[in-house]
């Protein structure tokens, strides 16, 4: 399995719209086990995206999906920057396959 945790900083006042684009553009991604978009509780312009994938290749392939490319293009003007990007190796958790680790 392959995991990503990242913080995206929206341009001022654009966080809600950015979150909506990320959620809408990331449905039906083969190999995606979990994709969560969350508000940062301390920064009104920040979002956290937590992803769990079958494998690294599934994540890479998702970047070529038309819906994901369209979401990236629409979201790009609303993104001020990125912070805290971490790759992870999921080992267990609610909703994950039993053989995650």
N, C-alpha and C. Protein backbone atom coordinates (compact mmCIF):
# COMPACT_ATOMS: atom_id res chain seq x y z
N UNK A 1 0.84 -1.18 0.00
CA UNK A 1 0.00 0.00 0.00
C UNK A 1 0.88 1.24 0.00
N UNK A 2 0.25 2.35 -0.31
CA UNK A 2 0.97 3.62 -0.43
C UNK A 2 0.08 4.72 0.13
N UNK A 3 0.64 5.59 0.94
CA UNK A 3 -0.13 6.69 1.51
C UNK A 3 0.53 8.03 1.29
N UNK A 4 -0.29 9.05 1.25
CA UNK A 4 0.17 10.43 1.14
C UNK A 4 -0.61 11.28 2.13
N UNK A 5 0.08 12.21 2.72
CA UNK A 5 -0.54 13.19 3.61
C UNK A 5 0.04 14.54 3.20
N UNK A 6 -0.84 15.46 2.85
CA UNK A 6 -0.33 16.77 2.41
C UNK A 6 -1.24 17.90 2.81
N UNK A 7 -0.64 19.06 2.97
CA UNK A 7 -1.36 20.26 3.32
C UNK A 7 -1.31 21.21 2.13
N UNK A 8 -2.48 21.66 1.72
CA UNK A 8 -2.60 22.60 0.60
C UNK A 8 -3.09 23.93 1.16
N UNK A 9 -2.45 25.00 0.77
CA UNK A 9 -2.85 26.34 1.21
C UNK A 9 -3.60 27.02 0.07
N UNK A 10 -4.84 27.38 0.32
CA UNK A 10 -5.66 28.06 -0.67
C UNK A 10 -5.36 29.55 -0.67
N UNK A 11 -5.66 30.19 -1.78
CA UNK A 11 -5.60 31.65 -1.80
C UNK A 11 -6.67 32.15 -0.82
N UNK A 12 -6.49 33.33 -0.23
CA UNK A 12 -7.43 33.81 0.77
C UNK A 12 -8.89 33.75 0.29
N UNK A 13 -9.73 33.14 1.11
CA UNK A 13 -11.15 33.04 0.81
C UNK A 13 -11.56 31.94 -0.15
N UNK A 14 -10.60 31.15 -0.65
CA UNK A 14 -10.91 30.15 -1.67
C UNK A 14 -10.91 28.71 -1.14
N UNK A 15 -10.74 28.54 0.16
CA UNK A 15 -10.61 27.18 0.69
C UNK A 15 -11.83 26.31 0.41
N UNK A 16 -13.03 26.81 0.59
CA UNK A 16 -14.24 26.00 0.37
C UNK A 16 -14.34 25.55 -1.09
N UNK A 17 -14.10 26.46 -1.99
CA UNK A 17 -14.18 26.12 -3.42
C UNK A 17 -13.09 25.11 -3.78
N UNK A 18 -11.89 25.31 -3.28
CA UNK A 18 -10.80 24.37 -3.54
C UNK A 18 -11.15 22.99 -3.02
N UNK A 19 -11.70 22.92 -1.82
CA UNK A 19 -12.09 21.62 -1.25
C UNK A 19 -13.13 20.94 -2.14
N UNK A 20 -14.10 21.69 -2.60
CA UNK A 20 -15.15 21.13 -3.46
C UNK A 20 -14.56 20.57 -4.76
N UNK A 21 -13.63 21.29 -5.35
CA UNK A 21 -12.99 20.82 -6.58
C UNK A 21 -12.23 19.52 -6.32
N UNK A 22 -11.49 19.47 -5.23
CA UNK A 22 -10.72 18.27 -4.91
C UNK A 22 -11.63 17.07 -4.69
N UNK A 23 -12.75 17.28 -4.03
CA UNK A 23 -13.68 16.17 -3.77
C UNK A 23 -14.37 15.73 -5.06
N UNK A 24 -14.85 16.68 -5.84
CA UNK A 24 -15.57 16.36 -7.08
C UNK A 24 -14.67 15.67 -8.09
N UNK A 25 -13.43 16.11 -8.20
CA UNK A 25 -12.54 15.62 -9.24
C UNK A 25 -11.82 14.33 -8.91
N UNK A 26 -12.09 13.77 -7.73
CA UNK A 26 -11.32 12.60 -7.33
C UNK A 26 -12.19 11.39 -7.03
N UNK A 27 -13.41 11.39 -7.50
CA UNK A 27 -14.26 10.20 -7.36
C UNK A 27 -13.81 9.17 -8.40
N UNK A 28 -14.04 7.91 -8.10
CA UNK A 28 -13.78 6.84 -9.08
C UNK A 28 -12.34 6.80 -9.57
N UNK A 29 -11.41 6.71 -8.64
CA UNK A 29 -10.00 6.57 -8.99
C UNK A 29 -9.58 5.12 -8.72
N UNK A 30 -9.31 4.36 -9.77
CA UNK A 30 -8.91 2.96 -9.56
C UNK A 30 -7.69 2.85 -8.63
N UNK A 31 -7.78 1.94 -7.68
CA UNK A 31 -6.68 1.73 -6.74
C UNK A 31 -6.72 2.62 -5.52
N UNK A 32 -7.65 3.58 -5.48
CA UNK A 32 -7.76 4.48 -4.33
C UNK A 32 -8.62 3.81 -3.27
N UNK A 33 -8.05 3.63 -2.10
CA UNK A 33 -8.77 3.03 -0.98
C UNK A 33 -9.41 4.11 -0.13
N UNK A 34 -8.75 5.23 0.02
CA UNK A 34 -9.28 6.33 0.82
C UNK A 34 -8.71 7.65 0.32
N UNK A 35 -9.58 8.65 0.20
CA UNK A 35 -9.17 10.00 -0.19
C UNK A 35 -10.00 10.95 0.66
N UNK A 36 -9.37 11.61 1.62
CA UNK A 36 -10.07 12.46 2.57
C UNK A 36 -9.54 13.90 2.44
N UNK A 37 -10.46 14.83 2.27
CA UNK A 37 -10.14 16.26 2.27
C UNK A 37 -10.69 16.82 3.57
N UNK A 38 -9.85 17.53 4.33
CA UNK A 38 -10.26 18.05 5.64
C UNK A 38 -9.79 19.49 5.82
N UNK A 39 -10.59 20.26 6.54
CA UNK A 39 -10.20 21.62 6.90
C UNK A 39 -9.16 21.58 8.01
N UNK A 40 -8.16 22.44 7.91
CA UNK A 40 -7.21 22.64 9.01
C UNK A 40 -7.93 23.48 10.06
N UNK A 41 -7.88 23.05 11.29
CA UNK A 41 -8.59 23.75 12.37
C UNK A 41 -7.87 25.02 12.85
N UNK A 42 -6.62 25.22 12.44
CA UNK A 42 -5.86 26.38 12.90
C UNK A 42 -5.56 27.41 11.81
N UNK A 43 -5.75 27.01 10.55
CA UNK A 43 -5.43 27.91 9.43
C UNK A 43 -6.64 27.95 8.50
N UNK A 44 -7.30 29.08 8.43
CA UNK A 44 -8.53 29.23 7.66
C UNK A 44 -8.34 29.06 6.16
N UNK A 45 -7.10 29.05 5.69
CA UNK A 45 -6.84 28.87 4.27
C UNK A 45 -6.26 27.49 3.94
N UNK A 46 -6.12 26.62 4.93
CA UNK A 46 -5.44 25.35 4.71
C UNK A 46 -6.38 24.16 4.68
N UNK A 47 -6.01 23.20 3.83
CA UNK A 47 -6.68 21.90 3.73
C UNK A 47 -5.64 20.81 3.94
N UNK A 48 -6.09 19.68 4.47
CA UNK A 48 -5.27 18.48 4.54
C UNK A 48 -5.88 17.45 3.61
N UNK A 49 -5.06 16.78 2.86
CA UNK A 49 -5.51 15.68 2.01
C UNK A 49 -4.76 14.43 2.46
N UNK A 50 -5.54 13.41 2.82
CA UNK A 50 -4.98 12.14 3.27
C UNK A 50 -5.42 11.08 2.27
N UNK A 51 -4.46 10.36 1.70
CA UNK A 51 -4.75 9.38 0.67
C UNK A 51 -4.17 8.02 1.03
N UNK A 52 -4.90 6.96 0.70
CA UNK A 52 -4.39 5.60 0.80
C UNK A 52 -4.68 4.93 -0.53
N UNK A 53 -3.64 4.33 -1.09
CA UNK A 53 -3.71 3.70 -2.41
C UNK A 53 -3.28 2.24 -2.33
N UNK A 54 -3.77 1.47 -3.27
CA UNK A 54 -3.36 0.07 -3.38
C UNK A 54 -1.85 -0.02 -3.48
N UNK A 55 -1.27 0.88 -4.28
CA UNK A 55 0.18 0.92 -4.45
C UNK A 55 0.56 2.27 -5.06
N UNK A 56 1.85 2.54 -5.11
CA UNK A 56 2.36 3.80 -5.64
C UNK A 56 1.96 3.98 -7.12
N UNK A 57 1.94 2.88 -7.86
CA UNK A 57 1.61 2.95 -9.28
C UNK A 57 0.16 3.39 -9.50
N UNK A 58 -0.75 2.96 -8.63
CA UNK A 58 -2.14 3.40 -8.74
C UNK A 58 -2.25 4.91 -8.55
N UNK A 59 -1.50 5.43 -7.59
CA UNK A 59 -1.51 6.88 -7.40
C UNK A 59 -0.97 7.59 -8.63
N UNK A 60 0.15 7.12 -9.15
CA UNK A 60 0.75 7.75 -10.33
C UNK A 60 -0.22 7.71 -11.52
N UNK A 61 -0.90 6.58 -11.70
CA UNK A 61 -1.83 6.45 -12.81
C UNK A 61 -3.03 7.39 -12.66
N UNK A 62 -3.41 7.69 -11.43
CA UNK A 62 -4.56 8.58 -11.21
C UNK A 62 -4.30 9.97 -11.77
N UNK A 63 -3.06 10.38 -11.81
CA UNK A 63 -2.73 11.72 -12.30
C UNK A 63 -2.97 11.86 -13.80
N UNK A 64 -3.18 10.74 -14.50
CA UNK A 64 -3.47 10.77 -15.93
C UNK A 64 -4.96 10.66 -16.23
N UNK A 65 -5.79 10.48 -15.21
CA UNK A 65 -7.24 10.39 -15.43
C UNK A 65 -7.79 11.75 -15.85
N UNK A 66 -8.68 11.79 -16.86
CA UNK A 66 -9.23 13.07 -17.32
C UNK A 66 -9.88 13.88 -16.19
N UNK A 67 -10.62 13.24 -15.30
CA UNK A 67 -11.28 13.99 -14.22
C UNK A 67 -10.26 14.60 -13.26
N UNK A 68 -9.19 13.88 -13.00
CA UNK A 68 -8.15 14.39 -12.10
C UNK A 68 -7.39 15.53 -12.77
N UNK A 69 -7.07 15.37 -14.04
CA UNK A 69 -6.39 16.46 -14.77
C UNK A 69 -7.25 17.71 -14.80
N UNK A 70 -8.56 17.55 -15.01
CA UNK A 70 -9.46 18.70 -15.03
C UNK A 70 -9.53 19.36 -13.66
N UNK A 71 -9.58 18.55 -12.60
CA UNK A 71 -9.63 19.10 -11.24
C UNK A 71 -8.35 19.88 -10.93
N UNK A 72 -7.21 19.33 -11.32
CA UNK A 72 -5.94 20.02 -11.09
C UNK A 72 -5.92 21.36 -11.82
N UNK A 73 -6.38 21.37 -13.07
CA UNK A 73 -6.39 22.61 -13.85
C UNK A 73 -7.32 23.65 -13.23
N UNK A 74 -8.48 23.21 -12.75
CA UNK A 74 -9.43 24.13 -12.14
C UNK A 74 -8.93 24.63 -10.78
N UNK A 75 -8.27 23.75 -10.04
CA UNK A 75 -7.82 24.10 -8.69
C UNK A 75 -6.57 24.97 -8.68
N UNK A 76 -5.71 24.81 -9.66
CA UNK A 76 -4.40 25.48 -9.66
C UNK A 76 -4.48 26.98 -9.32
N UNK A 77 -5.40 27.77 -9.92
CA UNK A 77 -5.43 29.20 -9.57
C UNK A 77 -5.84 29.49 -8.13
N UNK A 78 -6.43 28.51 -7.45
CA UNK A 78 -6.89 28.70 -6.08
C UNK A 78 -5.86 28.25 -5.05
N UNK A 79 -4.73 27.73 -5.51
CA UNK A 79 -3.70 27.21 -4.61
C UNK A 79 -2.59 28.24 -4.43
N UNK A 80 -2.37 28.63 -3.19
CA UNK A 80 -1.29 29.56 -2.87
C UNK A 80 0.02 28.83 -2.64
N UNK A 81 -0.08 27.57 -2.20
CA UNK A 81 1.14 26.80 -1.95
C UNK A 81 0.84 25.48 -1.27
N UNK A 82 1.92 24.78 -0.96
CA UNK A 82 1.83 23.47 -0.32
C UNK A 82 2.75 23.46 0.89
N UNK A 83 2.36 22.70 1.92
CA UNK A 83 3.19 22.48 3.10
C UNK A 83 3.09 21.01 3.47
N UNK A 84 4.06 20.51 4.14
CA UNK A 84 3.95 19.22 4.80
C UNK A 84 3.46 18.08 3.90
N UNK A 85 4.22 17.71 2.90
CA UNK A 85 3.86 16.55 2.09
C UNK A 85 4.69 15.36 2.58
N UNK A 86 3.97 14.29 2.94
CA UNK A 86 4.65 13.11 3.47
C UNK A 86 4.11 11.86 2.79
N UNK A 87 5.01 10.98 2.40
CA UNK A 87 4.63 9.67 1.90
C UNK A 87 4.61 8.73 3.10
N UNK A 88 3.64 7.81 3.10
CA UNK A 88 3.51 6.89 4.22
C UNK A 88 3.32 5.46 3.71
N UNK A 89 3.48 4.52 4.61
CA UNK A 89 3.20 3.11 4.35
C UNK A 89 2.09 2.69 5.31
N UNK A 90 0.82 2.74 4.86
CA UNK A 90 -0.28 2.36 5.75
C UNK A 90 -0.12 0.91 6.21
N UNK A 91 -0.35 0.68 7.52
CA UNK A 91 -0.20 -0.68 8.04
C UNK A 91 -1.51 -1.24 8.60
N UNK A 92 -2.44 -0.40 9.04
CA UNK A 92 -3.71 -0.87 9.57
C UNK A 92 -4.62 0.32 9.79
N UNK A 93 -5.91 0.05 9.82
CA UNK A 93 -6.85 1.10 10.11
C UNK A 93 -8.26 0.74 9.65
N UNK A 94 -9.24 1.42 10.20
CA UNK A 94 -10.63 1.19 9.82
C UNK A 94 -10.79 1.41 8.33
N UNK A 95 -11.40 0.45 7.65
CA UNK A 95 -11.63 0.56 6.22
C UNK A 95 -10.51 0.05 5.34
N UNK A 96 -9.34 -0.20 5.92
CA UNK A 96 -8.22 -0.71 5.13
C UNK A 96 -8.31 -2.23 5.04
N UNK A 97 -7.79 -2.79 3.95
CA UNK A 97 -7.76 -4.25 3.86
C UNK A 97 -6.99 -4.85 5.03
N UNK A 98 -7.38 -6.04 5.44
CA UNK A 98 -6.71 -6.69 6.59
C UNK A 98 -5.24 -6.94 6.36
N UNK A 99 -4.84 -7.09 5.11
CA UNK A 99 -3.44 -7.36 4.79
C UNK A 99 -2.67 -6.08 4.47
N UNK A 100 -3.11 -4.93 5.04
CA UNK A 100 -2.51 -3.63 4.74
C UNK A 100 -1.03 -3.59 5.06
N UNK A 101 -0.61 -4.18 6.15
CA UNK A 101 0.76 -4.05 6.58
C UNK A 101 1.63 -5.07 5.94
